[in-house]
Structures are given as structure tokens and as C-alpha cells.
Amino acid sequence: MLERVQKRATKILSHHRHLSYTDHLKVYKLPTLHYRQIRGDMIEVYKIITGKYEGVVAPRLERDDISVTRGNELRLKKFRVIYDLRKYSFTNWVVNIWNSLPNKVVLADSVNCFKSRLDEFWQNQDIVYF
């Protein structure tokens, strides 16, 4: 519903009415709702990994001990699941996105530093507007 409101609001401005929705977003520098959800989830994963939450409250995310040259130093382990309920849970679906982030982003000193580095990394990628 929020995405629909944003789509309609970008059409109200008359001088860019002929553009598509993704072009509207690029002109007005507005991210999609999907991007905002992924960004918020990555911030939560950063807080969980760095111990900002108590261990009892936070969901369990296990670090991967494989020494692969790709990815970042704080890689997460992805578990095999059978049921869709577990497949689409937070702890399972954020793993691929988190593991695709570079070391510069995940090894940030603070949450605000992480946010700015994440935005900088995703700035020119299609994830922001699609």
C-alpha cells in the first residue's frame, strides 16, 4: 500500500508525468519499499552480528568458518531447509544478501557508519530502484 501511495505521489508532479515509475524514482532519488525493507534487515543483521542485542532476544545467526576468498569476513552460514516456513524466515533469507556485502561495509565501526557505507555500496546498483 505504501508503494502505491509513493507511485501515485510521483505522478502528481506534472513536469515528469511522461516518465515511468522507475524513472520517477531516479529523478526524485526515492528508493523503493523493497529496498527500504532490505536495508532495514541488513541494519538489523549488523546489530545482531556485532552484539548490539542481547543473545536471548536476537535471532540465532551462525557465522561460517569456511576460509573462502570471496565475500566478507563475517559470512553467515546458510542452512538447508525443507519447509517454506523456514525457507522464508528472517534468519535464512538475509544470509545471501549479507554474504554479498564487501568487507568495507560489514566491518564498520558503528551502526551509522554501516548505514552510510551500505548506501554508498548500493548507490549505483539496481536494487535501489527495482
C-alpha atoms as a PDB file:
ATOM      1  CA  MET A   1       0.000   0.000   0.000  1.00  0.00           C
ATOM      2  CA  LEU A   2       2.843   2.374   0.811  1.00  0.00           C
ATOM      3  CA  GLU A   3       4.398   1.630  -2.579  1.00  0.00           C
ATOM      4  CA  ARG A   4       1.111   2.544  -4.266  1.00  0.00           C
ATOM      5  CA  VAL A   5       0.995   5.889  -2.446  1.00  0.00           C
ATOM      6  CA  GLN A   6       4.575   6.611  -3.482  1.00  0.00           C
ATOM      7  CA  LYS A   7       3.806   5.683  -7.099  1.00  0.00           C
ATOM      8  CA  ARG A   8       0.818   7.999  -7.195  1.00  0.00           C
ATOM      9  CA  ALA A   9       2.669  10.850  -5.485  1.00  0.00           C
ATOM     10  CA  THR A  10       5.432  10.756  -8.097  1.00  0.00           C
ATOM     11  CA  LYS A  11       2.827  11.060 -10.880  1.00  0.00           C
ATOM     12  CA  ILE A  12       1.273  14.185  -9.368  1.00  0.00           C
ATOM     13  CA  LEU A  13       4.185  16.393 -10.346  1.00  0.00           C
ATOM     14  CA  SER A  14       3.315  17.474 -13.877  1.00  0.00           C
ATOM     15  CA  HIS A  15       6.709  18.136 -15.440  1.00  0.00           C
ATOM     16  CA  HIS A  16       7.757  14.460 -15.203  1.00  0.00           C
ATOM     17  CA  ARG A  17       4.400  12.826 -15.876  1.00  0.00           C
ATOM     18  CA  HIS A  18       5.585  11.056 -19.043  1.00  0.00           C
ATOM     19  CA  LEU A  19       8.312   9.063 -17.241  1.00  0.00           C
ATOM     20  CA  SER A  20       7.939   5.503 -15.995  1.00  0.00           C
ATOM     21  CA  TYR A  21       7.777   4.741 -12.269  1.00  0.00           C
ATOM     22  CA  THR A  22      11.422   3.646 -12.033  1.00  0.00           C
ATOM     23  CA  ASP A  23      12.496   6.813 -13.856  1.00  0.00           C
ATOM     24  CA  HIS A  24      10.398   8.864 -11.411  1.00  0.00           C
ATOM     25  CA  LEU A  25      12.223   7.226  -8.539  1.00  0.00           C
ATOM     26  CA  LYS A  26      15.592   8.014 -10.082  1.00  0.00           C
ATOM     27  CA  VAL A  27      14.672  11.649 -10.781  1.00  0.00           C
ATOM     28  CA  TYR A  28      13.352  12.254  -7.255  1.00  0.00           C
ATOM     29  CA  LYS A  29      16.018   9.989  -5.653  1.00  0.00           C
ATOM     30  CA  LEU A  30      13.420   7.872  -3.834  1.00  0.00           C
ATOM     31  CA  PRO A  31      14.164   4.221  -3.031  1.00  0.00           C
ATOM     32  CA  THR A  32      11.521   1.542  -3.448  1.00  0.00           C
ATOM     33  CA  LEU A  33       9.788  -0.055  -0.499  1.00  0.00           C
ATOM     34  CA  HIS A  34      11.607  -3.315  -1.276  1.00  0.00           C
ATOM     35  CA  TYR A  35      14.968  -1.538  -0.962  1.00  0.00           C
ATOM     36  CA  ARG A  36      13.967   0.042   2.338  1.00  0.00           C
ATOM     37  CA  GLN A  37      12.976  -3.374   3.712  1.00  0.00           C
ATOM     38  CA  ILE A  38      16.259  -4.979   2.638  1.00  0.00           C
ATOM     39  CA  ARG A  39      18.257  -2.047   4.023  1.00  0.00           C
ATOM     40  CA  GLY A  40      16.447  -2.275   7.368  1.00  0.00           C
ATOM     41  CA  ASP A  41      17.052  -6.007   7.537  1.00  0.00           C
ATOM     42  CA  MET A  42      20.765  -5.556   6.813  1.00  0.00           C
ATOM     43  CA  ILE A  43      20.971  -2.996   9.620  1.00  0.00           C
ATOM     44  CA  GLU A  44      19.332  -5.498  11.977  1.00  0.00           C
ATOM     45  CA  VAL A  45      21.751  -8.246  10.909  1.00  0.00           C
ATOM     46  CA  TYR A  46      24.665  -5.879  11.563  1.00  0.00           C
ATOM     47  CA  LYS A  47      23.328  -5.168  15.053  1.00  0.00           C
ATOM     48  CA  ILE A  48      22.877  -8.891  15.763  1.00  0.00           C
ATOM     49  CA  ILE A  49      26.346  -9.839  14.471  1.00  0.00           C
ATOM     50  CA  THR A  50      28.113  -7.058  16.389  1.00  0.00           C
ATOM     51  CA  GLY A  51      26.299  -7.856  19.644  1.00  0.00           C
ATOM     52  CA  LYS A  52      24.121  -4.758  19.992  1.00  0.00           C
ATOM     53  CA  TYR A  53      21.252  -7.006  21.137  1.00  0.00           C
ATOM     54  CA  GLU A  54      21.260  -9.493  23.977  1.00  0.00           C
ATOM     55  CA  GLY A  55      21.787 -13.086  22.901  1.00  0.00           C
ATOM     56  CA  VAL A  56      18.433 -14.203  24.299  1.00  0.00           C
ATOM     57  CA  VAL A  57      16.424 -11.654  22.314  1.00  0.00           C
ATOM     58  CA  ALA A  58      18.222 -11.769  18.971  1.00  0.00           C
ATOM     59  CA  PRO A  59      17.584 -14.483  16.400  1.00  0.00           C
ATOM     60  CA  ARG A  60      20.380 -17.007  16.004  1.00  0.00           C
ATOM     61  CA  LEU A  61      22.710 -16.274  13.085  1.00  0.00           C
ATOM     62  CA  GLU A  62      25.729 -18.556  12.817  1.00  0.00           C
ATOM     63  CA  ARG A  63      28.976 -17.411  11.273  1.00  0.00           C
ATOM     64  CA  ASP A  64      30.506 -19.544   8.539  1.00  0.00           C
ATOM     65  CA  ASP A  65      34.025 -20.796   9.294  1.00  0.00           C
ATOM     66  CA  ILE A  66      34.946 -21.610   5.692  1.00  0.00           C
ATOM     67  CA  SER A  67      38.000 -19.647   4.598  1.00  0.00           C
ATOM     68  CA  VAL A  68      36.898 -18.701   1.094  1.00  0.00           C
ATOM     69  CA  THR A  69      38.486 -15.704  -0.566  1.00  0.00           C
ATOM     70  CA  ARG A  70      35.147 -14.366  -1.758  1.00  0.00           C
ATOM     71  CA  GLY A  71      32.692 -12.479   0.384  1.00  0.00           C
ATOM     72  CA  ASN A  72      33.351 -10.831   3.701  1.00  0.00           C
ATOM     73  CA  GLU A  73      34.989 -11.883   6.959  1.00  0.00           C
ATOM     74  CA  LEU A  74      31.648 -12.052   8.777  1.00  0.00           C
ATOM     75  CA  ARG A  75      29.996 -14.551   6.427  1.00  0.00           C
ATOM     76  CA  LEU A  76      26.881 -16.277   7.704  1.00  0.00           C
ATOM     77  CA  LYS A  77      26.106 -19.967   7.392  1.00  0.00           C
ATOM     78  CA  LYS A  78      23.097 -20.887   5.284  1.00  0.00           C
ATOM     79  CA  PHE A  79      21.197 -23.944   6.427  1.00  0.00           C
ATOM     80  CA  ARG A  80      19.343 -26.339   4.171  1.00  0.00           C
ATOM     81  CA  VAL A  81      15.636 -26.311   4.843  1.00  0.00           C
ATOM     82  CA  ILE A  82      12.721 -28.371   3.633  1.00  0.00           C
ATOM     83  CA  TYR A  83       9.659 -26.389   4.594  1.00  0.00           C
ATOM     84  CA  ASP A  84       8.743 -22.980   3.168  1.00  0.00           C
ATOM     85  CA  LEU A  85       8.069 -21.651   6.645  1.00  0.00           C
ATOM     86  CA  ARG A  86      11.767 -21.897   7.492  1.00  0.00           C
ATOM     87  CA  LYS A  87      12.914 -21.044   3.965  1.00  0.00           C
ATOM     88  CA  TYR A  88      11.365 -17.575   4.059  1.00  0.00           C
ATOM     89  CA  SER A  89      12.238 -16.784   7.669  1.00  0.00           C
ATOM     90  CA  PHE A  90      14.422 -13.804   8.508  1.00  0.00           C
ATOM     91  CA  THR A  91      17.432 -15.855   9.572  1.00  0.00           C
ATOM     92  CA  ASN A  92      17.502 -17.748   6.284  1.00  0.00           C
ATOM     93  CA  TRP A  93      16.703 -15.200   3.599  1.00  0.00           C
ATOM     94  CA  VAL A  94      19.097 -12.453   4.781  1.00  0.00           C
ATOM     95  CA  VAL A  95      22.147 -14.730   4.505  1.00  0.00           C
ATOM     96  CA  ASN A  96      22.703 -14.375   0.736  1.00  0.00           C
ATOM     97  CA  ILE A  97      22.372 -10.600   0.812  1.00  0.00           C
ATOM     98  CA  TRP A  98      24.646 -10.261   3.846  1.00  0.00           C
ATOM     99  CA  ASN A  99      27.292 -12.553   2.344  1.00  0.00           C
ATOM    100  CA  SER A 100      27.324 -10.480  -0.860  1.00  0.00           C
ATOM    101  CA  LEU A 101      28.395  -7.324   1.010  1.00  0.00           C
ATOM    102  CA  PRO A 102      32.110  -6.400   0.937  1.00  0.00           C
ATOM    103  CA  ASN A 103      34.374  -6.217   3.992  1.00  0.00           C
ATOM    104  CA  LYS A 104      34.389  -2.435   3.900  1.00  0.00           C
ATOM    105  CA  VAL A 105      30.668  -2.412   4.657  1.00  0.00           C
ATOM    106  CA  VAL A 106      30.337  -5.213   7.232  1.00  0.00           C
ATOM    107  CA  LEU A 107      33.417  -4.240   9.242  1.00  0.00           C
ATOM    108  CA  ALA A 108      32.100  -0.749  10.003  1.00  0.00           C
ATOM    109  CA  ASP A 109      32.782   0.686  13.450  1.00  0.00           C
ATOM    110  CA  SER A 110      29.250   1.862  14.251  1.00  0.00           C
ATOM    111  CA  VAL A 111      25.690   1.496  13.023  1.00  0.00           C
ATOM    112  CA  ASN A 112      25.717   4.927  11.380  1.00  0.00           C
ATOM    113  CA  CYS A 113      28.975   4.121   9.622  1.00  0.00           C
ATOM    114  CA  PHE A 114      27.448   0.824   8.439  1.00  0.00           C
ATOM    115  CA  LYS A 115      24.375   2.639   7.084  1.00  0.00           C
ATOM    116  CA  SER A 116      26.412   5.169   5.135  1.00  0.00           C
ATOM    117  CA  ARG A 117      28.743   2.506   3.697  1.00  0.00           C
ATOM    118  CA  LEU A 118      25.783   0.311   2.748  1.00  0.00           C
ATOM    119  CA  ASP A 119      24.081   3.208   0.965  1.00  0.00           C
ATOM    120  CA  GLU A 120      27.337   4.064  -0.787  1.00  0.00           C
ATOM    121  CA  PHE A 121      27.828   0.443  -1.900  1.00  0.00           C
ATOM    122  CA  TRP A 122      24.256   0.108  -3.209  1.00  0.00           C
ATOM    123  CA  GLN A 123      24.108   3.630  -4.670  1.00  0.00           C
ATOM    124  CA  ASN A 124      24.621   2.716  -8.337  1.00  0.00           C
ATOM    125  CA  GLN A 125      23.075  -0.734  -8.244  1.00  0.00           C
ATOM    126  CA  ASP A 126      19.621  -1.704  -9.477  1.00  0.00           C
ATOM    127  CA  ILE A 127      18.477  -2.781  -6.005  1.00  0.00           C
ATOM    128  CA  VAL A 128      17.603   0.823  -5.094  1.00  0.00           C
ATOM    129  CA  TYR A 129      15.051   1.447  -7.828  1.00  0.00           C
ATOM    130  CA  PHE A 130      13.708  -2.026  -8.682  1.00  0.00           C
END
